[in-house]
Amino acid sequence: MKILIIAEHKNGKLIEATLELFALLLGRAEVHAVPAGENREPLAAPLLQLPTAKVHTIDSPALSCHTIETLRHTLGQFIPH
């Protein structure tokens, strides 16, 4: 089973809830992560230190102050149907 975690972050750091998701899924699924937002490449390194199969990045100015609708729209383009 594959699971995609939207890696929530604040001020360039992963939030605790994101880290807790990785702990819950350890050994139970193939975990992929996506730090969505603007200029999120630096978050890839900390995510790769977690048990992550792959880190995907979505760098979009539309997500700099994202709402659920902009996130849904952007992820809808990213995730195959």
Protein backbone atom coordinates (compact mmCIF):
# COMPACT_ATOMS: atom_id res chain seq x y z
CA MET A 1 0.00 0.00 0.00
CA LYS A 2 1.23 3.51 -0.85
CA ILE A 3 0.36 6.54 1.24
CA LEU A 4 1.00 10.16 0.35
CA ILE A 5 1.60 12.50 3.28
CA ILE A 6 1.16 16.20 2.69
CA ALA A 7 4.06 17.44 4.77
CA GLU A 8 2.69 20.39 6.70
CA HIS A 9 5.27 22.97 7.63
CA LYS A 10 5.56 26.37 9.22
CA ASN A 11 8.41 28.83 8.83
CA GLY A 12 10.43 26.24 6.89
CA LYS A 13 10.14 23.48 9.50
CA LEU A 14 7.99 20.35 9.54
CA ILE A 15 5.23 20.48 12.13
CA GLU A 16 4.85 17.83 14.82
CA ALA A 17 1.70 16.30 13.30
CA THR A 18 3.61 15.50 10.10
CA LEU A 19 6.35 13.76 12.07
CA GLU A 20 3.75 11.79 14.03
CA LEU A 21 2.23 10.48 10.80
CA PHE A 22 5.57 9.02 9.78
CA ALA A 23 5.91 7.32 13.17
CA LEU A 24 2.43 5.80 12.86
CA LEU A 25 3.11 4.42 9.39
CA LEU A 26 6.58 3.02 10.07
CA GLY A 27 6.77 -0.39 8.43
CA ARG A 28 3.09 -0.42 7.47
CA ALA A 29 3.12 1.26 4.07
CA GLU A 30 5.26 2.72 1.32
CA VAL A 31 5.22 6.36 2.35
CA HIS A 32 5.59 9.19 -0.12
CA ALA A 33 5.71 12.80 1.05
CA VAL A 34 5.01 16.13 -0.60
CA PRO A 35 5.89 19.47 0.97
CA ALA A 36 3.56 21.70 -1.03
CA GLY A 37 4.11 25.42 -1.26
CA GLU A 38 6.51 27.98 -2.59
CA ASN A 39 10.28 27.32 -2.41
CA ARG A 40 9.89 24.06 -0.50
CA GLU A 41 12.96 22.29 -1.87
CA PRO A 42 14.82 22.74 1.47
CA LEU A 43 12.20 20.57 3.20
CA ALA A 44 13.15 17.58 1.06
CA ALA A 45 16.31 16.86 3.09
CA PRO A 46 14.56 16.52 6.48
CA LEU A 47 11.85 14.39 4.86
CA LEU A 48 14.46 12.04 3.41
CA GLN A 49 15.78 11.43 6.94
CA LEU A 50 12.37 9.95 7.80
CA PRO A 51 11.21 6.51 6.55
CA THR A 52 10.13 7.91 3.19
CA ALA A 53 10.13 5.94 -0.07
CA LYS A 54 10.07 9.13 -2.14
CA VAL A 55 9.76 12.88 -1.65
CA HIS A 56 7.84 14.79 -4.28
CA THR A 57 7.88 18.58 -4.37
CA ILE A 58 5.26 20.93 -5.70
CA ASP A 59 6.70 24.41 -5.98
CA SER A 60 3.82 26.74 -6.72
CA PRO A 61 3.39 30.44 -5.89
CA ALA A 62 -0.35 29.72 -5.66
CA LEU A 63 0.38 27.74 -2.49
CA SER A 64 2.37 30.41 -0.65
CA CYS A 65 -0.78 31.20 1.39
CA HIS A 66 -2.73 28.12 0.41
CA THR A 67 -6.31 27.38 1.15
CA ILE A 68 -7.88 23.95 0.98
CA GLU A 69 -9.16 24.78 -2.50
CA THR A 70 -5.77 25.77 -3.93
CA LEU A 71 -4.20 22.72 -2.30
CA ARG A 72 -6.93 20.44 -3.71
CA HIS A 73 -6.53 21.92 -7.18
CA THR A 74 -2.71 21.66 -7.15
CA LEU A 75 -2.67 18.11 -5.75
CA GLY A 76 -5.38 17.15 -8.24
CA GLN A 77 -2.93 18.00 -11.03
CA PHE A 78 -0.15 16.07 -9.30
CA ILE A 79 -1.96 12.84 -8.37
CA PRO A 80 -2.94 10.63 -11.33
CA HIS A 81 -6.63 9.77 -11.54
